[in-house]
Amino acid sequence: EVTAAIGIVLLGVAQHLPYVCIAAGVLGSIVVAFEASKDSDKNVQTVKLWSASVKDWLIMVSGRVSKSGAKSTLPLFQGLQEAIVGMAEQIEKNERRWRISKMLNSANFRIHFDRAKTSVLELKNALRDFLDQEVQDAQEAKLKEINETSLATNEKLESMESQLGQIKEMLQSRAVAGMAGMAAAAADLSAGIEETLFQRMQDVTGHQGSCVPFKRFVVAFETFMLKGADMPAEVKRGLKIAVDRENTGSVGKLEFIKFYRQWQASGLVAEEFLLKLADEAPKSLYAVRASSIAKYSAAGLVASTGVAARGASVAGSAMSKGASSAGS
């Protein structure tokens, strides 16, 4: 009798189980990727909290939906899964091109995020008719914190001029501090800010008067040019193309000056200029690896397919045993 009852329950929820598994897997991949980014931006933390809360809520209610509830709410489960996958695809598309905090501020991501939020609300309201009071209360408590979730839109617009100003100010302030005998060279920018900047990069990487290994150059570039922010993969690829196209593994003064002056002439912010170089180069040139979102989402999809298949198999076996027991 117990086996037959379990089989009936599994058959009832088997229709929506794949949608729950895929949605939960993708949400988990977003949380993992955002945690790996170590980005403390408010929007990053907001989306991470929302994703984790919705994932836990889906797992909680998926096993409590009755057969009738699973059938009538199936389009809503499907709609939520599609909205979450769309949100993740937007992240995957841009995570190699922009810092996560900047990408979350885009209009396209907001459209997908708002659609996912609406889908959660619609499904939550529909499930009230099919959940007992205890689970309803747990559902409300789980989603209460994220009901009014919204993304901030206060990111300041940055220009090439502002970046240049920040670099010059940084060099001059460090000169005043008298760091490592560089005061005179950093204070006198008449030879060109690009030469002074490269000299600073040589100093901080421990390669005074010589080429800087590309990996060390990347860290120095992020520190001085991007205010310490990590470069997305495609931006780093653009930098590789700009200063080490021949793949020598190091960056010399001439390569850096050439890049710097081309960047100035472009009128673009540094990240946009490097993305432009990456886009214009052959796709196979220093191609980046598959994104973390794609990797974790694919794993979640495979896992969910396996879970759904096992669920259906167990249900079928249980029903068969139940029917056999009833016949006996």
C-alpha atoms as a PDB file:
ATOM      1  CA  GLU A   1       0.000   0.000   0.000  1.00  0.00           C
ATOM      2  CA  VAL A   2       2.821   2.402   0.879  1.00  0.00           C
ATOM      3  CA  THR A   3       4.664   1.601  -2.354  1.00  0.00           C
ATOM      4  CA  ALA A   4       1.525   2.162  -4.411  1.00  0.00           C
ATOM      5  CA  ALA A   5       0.844   5.472  -2.645  1.00  0.00           C
ATOM      6  CA  ILE A   6       4.379   6.693  -3.357  1.00  0.00           C
ATOM      7  CA  GLY A   7       3.943   5.723  -6.987  1.00  0.00           C
ATOM      8  CA  ILE A   8       0.744   7.766  -7.261  1.00  0.00           C
ATOM      9  CA  VAL A   9       2.449  10.828  -5.738  1.00  0.00           C
ATOM     10  CA  LEU A  10       5.449  10.515  -8.058  1.00  0.00           C
ATOM     11  CA  LEU A  11       3.216  10.209 -11.091  1.00  0.00           C
ATOM     12  CA  GLY A  12       1.368  13.312  -9.948  1.00  0.00           C
ATOM     13  CA  VAL A  13       4.452  15.480  -9.688  1.00  0.00           C
ATOM     14  CA  ALA A  14       6.491  13.891 -12.486  1.00  0.00           C
ATOM     15  CA  GLN A  15       5.111  16.386 -15.018  1.00  0.00           C
ATOM     16  CA  HIS A  16       6.445  19.457 -13.241  1.00  0.00           C
ATOM     17  CA  LEU A  17       9.579  17.843 -11.794  1.00  0.00           C
ATOM     18  CA  PRO A  18      11.799  18.473 -14.875  1.00  0.00           C
ATOM     19  CA  TYR A  19      10.875  22.190 -14.825  1.00  0.00           C
ATOM     20  CA  VAL A  20      11.702  22.413 -11.115  1.00  0.00           C
ATOM     21  CA  CYS A  21      14.999  20.563 -11.527  1.00  0.00           C
ATOM     22  CA  ILE A  22      16.185  22.698 -14.444  1.00  0.00           C
ATOM     23  CA  ALA A  23      15.125  25.963 -12.788  1.00  0.00           C
ATOM     24  CA  ALA A  24      16.762  25.018  -9.472  1.00  0.00           C
ATOM     25  CA  GLY A  25      19.930  23.879 -11.246  1.00  0.00           C
ATOM     26  CA  VAL A  26      20.233  27.120 -13.193  1.00  0.00           C
ATOM     27  CA  LEU A  27      19.558  29.246 -10.102  1.00  0.00           C
ATOM     28  CA  GLY A  28      22.234  27.307  -8.260  1.00  0.00           C
ATOM     29  CA  SER A  29      24.670  27.967 -11.101  1.00  0.00           C
ATOM     30  CA  ILE A  30      24.006  31.713 -10.844  1.00  0.00           C
ATOM     31  CA  VAL A  31      24.676  31.678  -7.097  1.00  0.00           C
ATOM     32  CA  VAL A  32      27.931  29.726  -7.576  1.00  0.00           C
ATOM     33  CA  ALA A  33      29.137  32.028 -10.354  1.00  0.00           C
ATOM     34  CA  PHE A  34      28.304  35.190  -8.408  1.00  0.00           C
ATOM     35  CA  GLU A  35      30.041  33.903  -5.287  1.00  0.00           C
ATOM     36  CA  ALA A  36      33.119  33.050  -7.357  1.00  0.00           C
ATOM     37  CA  SER A  37      33.193  36.605  -8.704  1.00  0.00           C
ATOM     38  CA  LYS A  38      33.672  38.005  -5.158  1.00  0.00           C
ATOM     39  CA  ASP A  39      31.823  41.112  -6.362  1.00  0.00           C
ATOM     40  CA  SER A  40      30.327  43.025  -3.427  1.00  0.00           C
ATOM     41  CA  ASP A  41      28.129  45.266  -5.616  1.00  0.00           C
ATOM     42  CA  LYS A  42      24.605  45.705  -4.223  1.00  0.00           C
ATOM     43  CA  ASN A  43      22.917  44.377  -7.376  1.00  0.00           C
ATOM     44  CA  VAL A  44      25.119  41.271  -7.403  1.00  0.00           C
ATOM     45  CA  GLN A  45      24.146  40.523  -3.814  1.00  0.00           C
ATOM     46  CA  THR A  46      20.458  41.187  -4.592  1.00  0.00           C
ATOM     47  CA  VAL A  47      20.315  38.751  -7.522  1.00  0.00           C
ATOM     48  CA  LYS A  48      22.326  36.165  -5.581  1.00  0.00           C
ATOM     49  CA  LEU A  49      19.924  36.337  -2.611  1.00  0.00           C
ATOM     50  CA  TRP A  50      16.891  36.184  -4.910  1.00  0.00           C
ATOM     51  CA  SER A  51      18.272  33.180  -6.811  1.00  0.00           C
ATOM     52  CA  ALA A  52      19.137  31.254  -3.653  1.00  0.00           C
ATOM     53  CA  SER A  53      15.739  31.964  -2.061  1.00  0.00           C
ATOM     54  CA  VAL A  54      13.730  30.966  -5.140  1.00  0.00           C
ATOM     55  CA  LYS A  55      15.816  27.792  -5.569  1.00  0.00           C
ATOM     56  CA  ASP A  56      15.127  26.741  -1.960  1.00  0.00           C
ATOM     57  CA  TRP A  57      11.431  27.592  -2.348  1.00  0.00           C
ATOM     58  CA  LEU A  58      11.083  25.495  -5.510  1.00  0.00           C
ATOM     59  CA  ILE A  59      12.717  22.508  -3.858  1.00  0.00           C
ATOM     60  CA  MET A  60      10.460  22.938  -0.808  1.00  0.00           C
ATOM     61  CA  VAL A  61       7.152  23.056  -2.693  1.00  0.00           C
ATOM     62  CA  SER A  62       7.959  20.592  -5.470  1.00  0.00           C
ATOM     63  CA  GLY A  63       7.331  17.577  -3.267  1.00  0.00           C
ATOM     64  CA  ARG A  64       4.177  19.035  -1.699  1.00  0.00           C
ATOM     65  CA  VAL A  65       2.138  19.730  -4.812  1.00  0.00           C
ATOM     66  CA  SER A  66      -0.824  17.380  -5.185  1.00  0.00           C
ATOM     67  CA  LYS A  67      -1.609  15.551  -8.416  1.00  0.00           C
ATOM     68  CA  SER A  68      -4.331  18.039  -9.324  1.00  0.00           C
ATOM     69  CA  GLY A  69      -2.086  20.941  -8.392  1.00  0.00           C
ATOM     70  CA  ALA A  70       0.785  19.648 -10.478  1.00  0.00           C
ATOM     71  CA  LYS A  71      -1.444  19.373 -13.527  1.00  0.00           C
ATOM     72  CA  SER A  72      -3.181  22.744 -13.286  1.00  0.00           C
ATOM     73  CA  THR A  73      -0.046  24.705 -12.411  1.00  0.00           C
ATOM     74  CA  LEU A  74       2.143  23.002 -15.022  1.00  0.00           C
ATOM     75  CA  PRO A  75       2.143  26.040 -17.392  1.00  0.00           C
ATOM     76  CA  LEU A  76       3.276  28.242 -14.507  1.00  0.00           C
ATOM     77  CA  PHE A  77       6.138  25.897 -13.598  1.00  0.00           C
ATOM     78  CA  GLN A  78       7.133  25.871 -17.252  1.00  0.00           C
ATOM     79  CA  GLY A  79       6.872  29.656 -17.503  1.00  0.00           C
ATOM     80  CA  LEU A  80       9.062  30.143 -14.435  1.00  0.00           C
ATOM     81  CA  GLN A  81      11.689  27.745 -15.777  1.00  0.00           C
ATOM     82  CA  GLU A  82      11.768  29.592 -19.113  1.00  0.00           C
ATOM     83  CA  ALA A  83      12.087  32.971 -17.375  1.00  0.00           C
ATOM     84  CA  ILE A  84      14.959  31.758 -15.190  1.00  0.00           C
ATOM     85  CA  VAL A  85      16.763  30.168 -18.133  1.00  0.00           C
ATOM     86  CA  GLY A  86      16.346  33.431 -20.066  1.00  0.00           C
ATOM     87  CA  MET A  87      17.879  35.345 -17.158  1.00  0.00           C
ATOM     88  CA  ALA A  88      20.809  32.913 -16.986  1.00  0.00           C
ATOM     89  CA  GLU A  89      21.361  33.085 -20.747  1.00  0.00           C
ATOM     90  CA  GLN A  90      21.610  36.862 -20.478  1.00  0.00           C
ATOM     91  CA  ILE A  91      24.250  36.476 -17.761  1.00  0.00           C
ATOM     92  CA  GLU A  92      26.128  33.849 -19.767  1.00  0.00           C
ATOM     93  CA  LYS A  93      26.079  36.004 -22.893  1.00  0.00           C
ATOM     94  CA  ASN A  94      27.629  38.974 -21.126  1.00  0.00           C
ATOM     95  CA  GLU A  95      29.707  37.570 -18.259  1.00  0.00           C
ATOM     96  CA  ARG A  96      32.773  37.222 -20.494  1.00  0.00           C
ATOM     97  CA  ARG A  97      32.349  40.783 -21.761  1.00  0.00           C
ATOM     98  CA  TRP A  98      31.359  42.947 -18.811  1.00  0.00           C
ATOM     99  CA  ARG A  99      31.861  42.970 -15.090  1.00  0.00           C
ATOM    100  CA  ILE A 100      28.860  41.324 -13.445  1.00  0.00           C
ATOM    101  CA  SER A 101      27.834  44.514 -11.641  1.00  0.00           C
ATOM    102  CA  LYS A 102      27.731  46.460 -14.911  1.00  0.00           C
ATOM    103  CA  MET A 103      25.867  43.721 -16.760  1.00  0.00           C
ATOM    104  CA  LEU A 104      23.158  43.532 -14.073  1.00  0.00           C
ATOM    105  CA  ASN A 105      22.513  47.228 -14.607  1.00  0.00           C
ATOM    106  CA  SER A 106      21.636  46.729 -18.285  1.00  0.00           C
ATOM    107  CA  ALA A 107      18.087  47.105 -19.592  1.00  0.00           C
ATOM    108  CA  ASN A 108      18.101  43.612 -21.145  1.00  0.00           C
ATOM    109  CA  PHE A 109      18.910  41.878 -17.879  1.00  0.00           C
ATOM    110  CA  ARG A 110      16.261  43.887 -16.028  1.00  0.00           C
ATOM    111  CA  ILE A 111      13.611  42.691 -18.495  1.00  0.00           C
ATOM    112  CA  HIS A 112      14.491  39.038 -17.866  1.00  0.00           C
ATOM    113  CA  PHE A 113      14.798  39.526 -14.099  1.00  0.00           C
ATOM    114  CA  ASP A 114      11.406  41.263 -13.860  1.00  0.00           C
ATOM    115  CA  ARG A 115       9.822  38.487 -15.913  1.00  0.00           C
ATOM    116  CA  ALA A 116      11.260  35.862 -13.543  1.00  0.00           C
ATOM    117  CA  LYS A 117      10.027  37.807 -10.501  1.00  0.00           C
ATOM    118  CA  THR A 118       6.518  37.998 -11.990  1.00  0.00           C
ATOM    119  CA  SER A 119       6.569  34.252 -12.706  1.00  0.00           C
ATOM    120  CA  VAL A 120       7.504  33.499  -9.091  1.00  0.00           C
ATOM    121  CA  LEU A 121       4.618  35.637  -7.815  1.00  0.00           C
ATOM    122  CA  GLU A 122       2.087  34.023 -10.177  1.00  0.00           C
ATOM    123  CA  LEU A 123       3.179  30.496  -9.257  1.00  0.00           C
ATOM    124  CA  LYS A 124       3.226  31.265  -5.542  1.00  0.00           C
ATOM    125  CA  ASN A 125      -0.341  32.584  -5.647  1.00  0.00           C
ATOM    126  CA  ALA A 126      -1.544  29.621  -7.710  1.00  0.00           C
ATOM    127  CA  LEU A 127       0.002  27.084  -5.332  1.00  0.00           C
ATOM    128  CA  ARG A 128      -2.013  28.358  -2.363  1.00  0.00           C
ATOM    129  CA  ASP A 129      -4.949  26.216  -3.466  1.00  0.00           C
ATOM    130  CA  PHE A 130      -2.851  23.035  -3.439  1.00  0.00           C
ATOM    131  CA  LEU A 131      -0.689  23.412  -0.330  1.00  0.00           C
ATOM    132  CA  ASP A 132      -1.656  22.819   3.292  1.00  0.00           C
ATOM    133  CA  GLN A 133      -1.493  25.761   5.707  1.00  0.00           C
ATOM    134  CA  GLU A 134       1.872  24.751   7.135  1.00  0.00           C
ATOM    135  CA  VAL A 135       3.526  24.763   3.711  1.00  0.00           C
ATOM    136  CA  GLN A 136       1.731  27.974   2.743  1.00  0.00           C
ATOM    137  CA  ASP A 137       3.180  29.678   5.828  1.00  0.00           C
ATOM    138  CA  ALA A 138       6.644  28.304   5.019  1.00  0.00           C
ATOM    139  CA  GLN A 139       6.253  29.543   1.438  1.00  0.00           C
ATOM    140  CA  GLU A 140       5.364  33.051   2.573  1.00  0.00           C
ATOM    141  CA  ALA A 141       8.296  33.134   5.001  1.00  0.00           C
ATOM    142  CA  LYS A 142      10.728  31.886   2.348  1.00  0.00           C
ATOM    143  CA  LEU A 143       9.719  34.523  -0.206  1.00  0.00           C
ATOM    144  CA  LYS A 144       8.957  37.434   2.134  1.00  0.00           C
ATOM    145  CA  GLU A 145      12.494  38.798   2.038  1.00  0.00           C
ATOM    146  CA  ILE A 146      12.587  38.979  -1.762  1.00  0.00           C
ATOM    147  CA  ASN A 147       9.035  40.135  -2.521  1.00  0.00           C
ATOM    148  CA  GLU A 148      10.149  43.730  -3.041  1.00  0.00           C
ATOM    149  CA  THR A 149      13.494  42.920  -4.654  1.00  0.00           C
ATOM    150  CA  SER A 150      14.684  45.568  -7.097  1.00  0.00           C
ATOM    151  CA  LEU A 151      17.922  46.493  -8.809  1.00  0.00           C
ATOM    152  CA  ALA A 152      19.623  49.813  -8.137  1.00  0.00           C
ATOM    153  CA  THR A 153      20.250  52.109 -11.109  1.00  0.00           C
ATOM    154  CA  ASN A 154      22.825  54.447  -9.638  1.00  0.00           C
ATOM    155  CA  GLU A 155      25.917  53.304 -11.549  1.00  0.00           C
ATOM    156  CA  LYS A 156      27.921  56.323 -12.671  1.00  0.00           C
ATOM    157  CA  LEU A 157      28.635  56.659 -16.360  1.00  0.00           C
ATOM    158  CA  GLU A 158      32.356  56.485 -17.064  1.00  0.00           C
ATOM    159  CA  SER A 159      34.177  58.072 -19.979  1.00  0.00           C
ATOM    160  CA  MET A 160      37.676  57.850 -21.394  1.00  0.00           C
ATOM    161  CA  GLU A 161      38.359  61.353 -20.068  1.00  0.00           C
ATOM    162  CA  SER A 162      37.357  60.349 -16.551  1.00  0.00           C
ATOM    163  CA  GLN A 163      39.576  57.270 -16.722  1.00  0.00           C
ATOM    164  CA  LEU A 164      42.522  59.368 -17.896  1.00  0.00           C
ATOM    165  CA  GLY A 165      41.892  61.843 -15.101  1.00  0.00           C
ATOM    166  CA  GLN A 166      41.802  59.050 -12.509  1.00  0.00           C
ATOM    167  CA  ILE A 167      45.077  57.591 -13.801  1.00  0.00           C
ATOM    168  CA  LYS A 168      46.829  60.961 -13.717  1.00  0.00           C
ATOM    169  CA  GLU A 169      45.482  61.732 -10.256  1.00  0.00           C
ATOM    170  CA  MET A 170      46.607  58.326  -9.012  1.00  0.00           C
ATOM    171  CA  LEU A 171      50.132  58.770 -10.336  1.00  0.00           C
ATOM    172  CA  GLN A 172      50.454  62.236  -8.864  1.00  0.00           C
ATOM    173  CA  SER A 173      49.082  61.233  -5.464  1.00  0.00           C
ATOM    174  CA  ARG A 174      51.506  58.314  -5.264  1.00  0.00           C
ATOM    175  CA  ALA A 175      54.332  60.640  -6.233  1.00  0.00           C
ATOM    176  CA  VAL A 176      53.455  62.943  -3.354  1.00  0.00           C
ATOM    177  CA  ALA A 177      53.582  59.910  -1.065  1.00  0.00           C
ATOM    178  CA  GLY A 178      57.192  59.388  -2.276  1.00  0.00           C
ATOM    179  CA  MET A 179      56.937  55.706  -3.142  1.00  0.00           C
ATOM    180  CA  ALA A 180      60.161  53.803  -3.916  1.00  0.00           C
ATOM    181  CA  GLY A 181      62.101  56.614  -5.532  1.00  0.00           C
ATOM    182  CA  MET A 182      59.441  57.196  -8.175  1.00  0.00           C
ATOM    183  CA  ALA A 183      58.376  60.616  -6.914  1.00  0.00           C
ATOM    184  CA  ALA A 184      60.298  62.672  -9.447  1.00  0.00           C
ATOM    185  CA  ALA A 185      59.358  60.478 -12.405  1.00  0.00           C
ATOM    186  CA  ALA A 186      55.678  60.277 -11.469  1.00  0.00           C
ATOM    187  CA  ALA A 187      55.381  63.980 -10.712  1.00  0.00           C
ATOM    188  CA  ASP A 188      56.907  64.929 -14.046  1.00  0.00           C
ATOM    189  CA  LEU A 189      54.381  63.749 -16.626  1.00  0.00           C
ATOM    190  CA  SER A 190      55.839  65.867 -19.428  1.00  0.00           C
ATOM    191  CA  ALA A 191      57.394  62.761 -21.007  1.00  0.00           C
ATOM    192  CA  GLY A 192      53.902  61.295 -21.357  1.00  0.00           C
ATOM    193  CA  ILE A 193      51.541  59.725 -18.891  1.00  0.00           C
ATOM    194  CA  GLU A 194      51.797  56.400 -20.722  1.00  0.00           C
ATOM    195  CA  GLU A 195      55.555  56.152 -20.105  1.00  0.00           C
ATOM    196  CA  THR A 196      55.181  57.046 -16.446  1.00  0.00           C
ATOM    197  CA  LEU A 197      52.368  54.545 -16.059  1.00  0.00           C
ATOM    198  CA  PHE A 198      54.364  51.714 -17.633  1.00  0.00           C
ATOM    199  CA  GLN A 199      57.316  52.538 -15.424  1.00  0.00           C
ATOM    200  CA  ARG A 200      55.034  52.278 -12.413  1.00  0.00           C
ATOM    201  CA  MET A 201      53.834  48.879 -13.661  1.00  0.00           C
ATOM    202  CA  GLN A 202      57.427  47.718 -14.021  1.00  0.00           C
ATOM    203  CA  ASP A 203      58.173  48.816 -10.458  1.00  0.00           C
ATOM    204  CA  VAL A 204      55.194  47.198  -8.766  1.00  0.00           C
ATOM    205  CA  THR A 205      55.713  43.907 -10.624  1.00  0.00           C
ATOM    206  CA  GLY A 206      59.421  43.827  -9.809  1.00  0.00           C
ATOM    207  CA  HIS A 207      60.576  44.147 -13.427  1.00  0.00           C
ATOM    208  CA  GLN A 208      62.238  47.559 -13.439  1.00  0.00           C
ATOM    209  CA  GLY A 209      63.741  48.388 -16.825  1.00  0.00           C
ATOM    210  CA  SER A 210      62.536  45.179 -18.501  1.00  0.00           C
ATOM    211  CA  CYS A 211      59.481  43.602 -20.074  1.00  0.00           C
ATOM    212  CA  VAL A 212      56.660  42.625 -17.740  1.00  0.00           C
ATOM    213  CA  PRO A 213      55.320  39.026 -17.866  1.00  0.00           C
ATOM    214  CA  PHE A 214      51.811  39.141 -19.299  1.00  0.00           C
ATOM    215  CA  LYS A 215      50.155  37.556 -16.250  1.00  0.00           C
ATOM    216  CA  ARG A 216      51.766  40.112 -13.954  1.00  0.00           C
ATOM    217  CA  PHE A 217      50.926  42.873 -16.425  1.00  0.00           C
ATOM    218  CA  VAL A 218      47.233  41.919 -16.246  1.00  0.00           C
ATOM    219  CA  VAL A 219      47.213  42.433 -12.469  1.00  0.00           C
ATOM    220  CA  ALA A 220      48.992  45.779 -12.803  1.00  0.00           C
ATOM    221  CA  PHE A 221      46.604  46.850 -15.572  1.00  0.00           C
ATOM    222  CA  GLU A 222      43.565  46.013 -13.441  1.00  0.00           C
ATOM    223  CA  THR A 223      45.085  47.892 -10.518  1.00  0.00           C
ATOM    224  CA  PHE A 224      46.010  51.087 -12.364  1.00  0.00           C
ATOM    225  CA  MET A 225      43.545  51.208 -15.271  1.00  0.00           C
ATOM    226  CA  LEU A 226      40.419  49.555 -13.834  1.00  0.00           C
ATOM    227  CA  LYS A 227      40.580  50.609 -10.177  1.00  0.00           C
ATOM    228  CA  GLY A 228      41.306  47.040  -9.090  1.00  0.00           C
ATOM    229  CA  ALA A 229      38.327  45.405 -10.841  1.00  0.00           C
ATOM    230  CA  ASP A 230      38.827  41.949 -12.365  1.00  0.00           C
ATOM    231  CA  MET A 231      38.670  41.857 -16.152  1.00  0.00           C
ATOM    232  CA  PRO A 232      36.048  39.636 -17.806  1.00  0.00           C
ATOM    233  CA  ALA A 233      37.506  36.988 -20.108  1.00  0.00           C
ATOM    234  CA  GLU A 234      36.799  38.784 -23.393  1.00  0.00           C
ATOM    235  CA  VAL A 235      38.296  42.041 -22.076  1.00  0.00           C
ATOM    236  CA  LYS A 236      41.439  40.156 -21.062  1.00  0.00           C
ATOM    237  CA  ARG A 237      41.513  38.565 -24.511  1.00  0.00           C
ATOM    238  CA  GLY A 238      41.384  42.041 -26.038  1.00  0.00           C
ATOM    239  CA  LEU A 239      44.295  43.110 -23.835  1.00  0.00           C
ATOM    240  CA  LYS A 240      46.316  40.080 -24.942  1.00  0.00           C
ATOM    241  CA  ILE A 241      45.672  40.991 -28.572  1.00  0.00           C
ATOM    242  CA  ALA A 242      46.618  44.616 -27.912  1.00  0.00           C
ATOM    243  CA  VAL A 243      49.930  44.184 -26.082  1.00  0.00           C
ATOM    244  CA  ASP A 244      51.077  40.597 -26.748  1.00  0.00           C
ATOM    245  CA  ARG A 245      49.591  39.592 -30.070  1.00  0.00           C
ATOM    246  CA  GLU A 246      52.703  37.557 -30.947  1.00  0.00           C
ATOM    247  CA  ASN A 247      52.298  35.580 -27.725  1.00  0.00           C
ATOM    248  CA  THR A 248      55.779  36.250 -26.346  1.00  0.00           C
ATOM    249  CA  GLY A 249      54.389  36.027 -22.842  1.00  0.00           C
ATOM    250  CA  SER A 250      55.566  39.505 -21.876  1.00  0.00           C
ATOM    251  CA  VAL A 251      54.753  43.183 -22.471  1.00  0.00           C
ATOM    252  CA  GLY A 252      57.362  45.772 -23.431  1.00  0.00           C
ATOM    253  CA  LYS A 253      57.297  49.544 -23.216  1.00  0.00           C
ATOM    254  CA  LEU A 254      56.687  50.065 -26.948  1.00  0.00           C
ATOM    255  CA  GLU A 255      53.724  47.656 -27.005  1.00  0.00           C
ATOM    256  CA  PHE A 256      52.137  49.417 -24.045  1.00  0.00           C
ATOM    257  CA  ILE A 257      52.673  52.920 -25.486  1.00  0.00           C
ATOM    258  CA  LYS A 258      51.186  51.792 -28.815  1.00  0.00           C
ATOM    259  CA  PHE A 259      48.129  50.383 -27.051  1.00  0.00           C
ATOM    260  CA  TYR A 260      47.740  53.448 -24.847  1.00  0.00           C
ATOM    261  CA  ARG A 261      47.795  55.897 -27.753  1.00  0.00           C
ATOM    262  CA  GLN A 262      45.388  53.779 -29.810  1.00  0.00           C
ATOM    263  CA  TRP A 263      43.050  53.705 -26.832  1.00  0.00           C
ATOM    264  CA  GLN A 264      43.235  57.500 -26.461  1.00  0.00           C
ATOM    265  CA  ALA A 265      42.472  57.959 -30.156  1.00  0.00           C
ATOM    266  CA  SER A 266      39.432  55.655 -29.928  1.00  0.00           C
ATOM    267  CA  GLY A 267      37.530  57.860 -27.467  1.00  0.00           C
ATOM    268  CA  LEU A 268      36.206  54.715 -25.753  1.00  0.00           C
ATOM    269  CA  VAL A 269      36.521  53.647 -22.146  1.00  0.00           C
ATOM    270  CA  ALA A 270      39.295  51.082 -21.733  1.00  0.00           C
ATOM    271  CA  GLU A 271      36.997  48.042 -21.422  1.00  0.00           C
ATOM    272  CA  GLU A 272      35.017  48.988 -24.524  1.00  0.00           C
ATOM    273  CA  PHE A 273      38.181  49.528 -26.541  1.00  0.00           C
ATOM    274  CA  LEU A 274      39.542  46.122 -25.528  1.00  0.00           C
ATOM    275  CA  LEU A 275      36.205  44.462 -26.362  1.00  0.00           C
ATOM    276  CA  LYS A 276      36.334  46.141 -29.778  1.00  0.00           C
ATOM    277  CA  LEU A 277      39.770  44.613 -30.387  1.00  0.00           C
ATOM    278  CA  ALA A 278      38.502  41.192 -29.286  1.00  0.00           C
ATOM    279  CA  ASP A 279      35.439  41.430 -31.542  1.00  0.00           C
ATOM    280  CA  GLU A 280      37.496  42.457 -34.577  1.00  0.00           C
ATOM    281  CA  ALA A 281      40.077  39.681 -34.155  1.00  0.00           C
ATOM    282  CA  PRO A 282      39.559  36.128 -35.472  1.00  0.00           C
ATOM    283  CA  LYS A 283      37.402  34.184 -33.018  1.00  0.00           C
ATOM    284  CA  SER A 284      40.059  31.494 -32.711  1.00  0.00           C
ATOM    285  CA  LEU A 285      42.743  33.974 -31.603  1.00  0.00           C
ATOM    286  CA  TYR A 286      43.230  33.402 -27.871  1.00  0.00           C
ATOM    287  CA  ALA A 287      39.683  32.061 -27.588  1.00  0.00           C
ATOM    288  CA  VAL A 288      38.351  31.985 -24.034  1.00  0.00           C
ATOM    289  CA  ARG A 289      37.040  28.897 -22.291  1.00  0.00           C
ATOM    290  CA  ALA A 290      33.363  28.110 -21.795  1.00  0.00           C
ATOM    291  CA  SER A 291      31.671  30.288 -19.190  1.00  0.00           C
ATOM    292  CA  SER A 292      31.015  29.155 -15.638  1.00  0.00           C
ATOM    293  CA  ILE A 293      27.269  29.754 -16.036  1.00  0.00           C
ATOM    294  CA  ALA A 294      27.191  27.514 -19.112  1.00  0.00           C
ATOM    295  CA  LYS A 295      29.188  24.825 -17.321  1.00  0.00           C
ATOM    296  CA  TYR A 296      27.034  24.747 -14.195  1.00  0.00           C
ATOM    297  CA  SER A 297      23.767  25.131 -16.129  1.00  0.00           C
ATOM    298  CA  ALA A 298      24.664  22.228 -18.391  1.00  0.00           C
ATOM    299  CA  ALA A 299      25.473  20.130 -15.344  1.00  0.00           C
ATOM    300  CA  GLY A 300      22.154  21.123 -13.801  1.00  0.00           C
ATOM    301  CA  LEU A 301      20.288  20.221 -16.981  1.00  0.00           C
ATOM    302  CA  VAL A 302      21.910  16.792 -17.173  1.00  0.00           C
ATOM    303  CA  ALA A 303      21.257  16.197 -13.489  1.00  0.00           C
ATOM    304  CA  SER A 304      17.625  17.282 -13.759  1.00  0.00           C
ATOM    305  CA  THR A 305      17.057  14.996 -16.742  1.00  0.00           C
ATOM    306  CA  GLY A 306      18.455  12.124 -14.703  1.00  0.00           C
ATOM    307  CA  VAL A 307      16.297  12.985 -11.691  1.00  0.00           C
ATOM    308  CA  ALA A 308      13.167  13.180 -13.830  1.00  0.00           C
ATOM    309  CA  ALA A 309      13.951   9.865 -15.499  1.00  0.00           C
ATOM    310  CA  ARG A 310      14.627   8.164 -12.178  1.00  0.00           C
ATOM    311  CA  GLY A 311      11.434   9.664 -10.741  1.00  0.00           C
ATOM    312  CA  ALA A 312       9.348   8.311 -13.612  1.00  0.00           C
ATOM    313  CA  SER A 313      11.062   4.916 -13.325  1.00  0.00           C
ATOM    314  CA  VAL A 314      10.424   4.688  -9.596  1.00  0.00           C
ATOM    315  CA  ALA A 315       6.832   5.787 -10.087  1.00  0.00           C
ATOM    316  CA  GLY A 316       6.269   3.178 -12.773  1.00  0.00           C
ATOM    317  CA  SER A 317       7.845   0.469 -10.663  1.00  0.00           C
ATOM    318  CA  ALA A 318       5.837   1.492  -7.631  1.00  0.00           C
ATOM    319  CA  MET A 319       2.563   1.504  -9.549  1.00  0.00           C
ATOM    320  CA  SER A 320       3.354  -1.912 -10.996  1.00  0.00           C
ATOM    321  CA  LYS A 321       4.087  -3.338  -7.561  1.00  0.00           C
ATOM    322  CA  GLY A 322       1.011  -1.654  -6.163  1.00  0.00           C
ATOM    323  CA  ALA A 323      -1.197  -3.170  -8.871  1.00  0.00           C
ATOM    324  CA  SER A 324       0.378  -6.592  -8.299  1.00  0.00           C
ATOM    325  CA  SER A 325      -0.249  -6.362  -4.569  1.00  0.00           C
ATOM    326  CA  ALA A 326      -3.847  -5.325  -5.161  1.00  0.00           C
ATOM    327  CA  GLY A 327      -4.383  -8.284  -7.501  1.00  0.00           C
ATOM    328  CA  SER A 328      -3.004 -10.658  -4.922  1.00  0.00           C
END
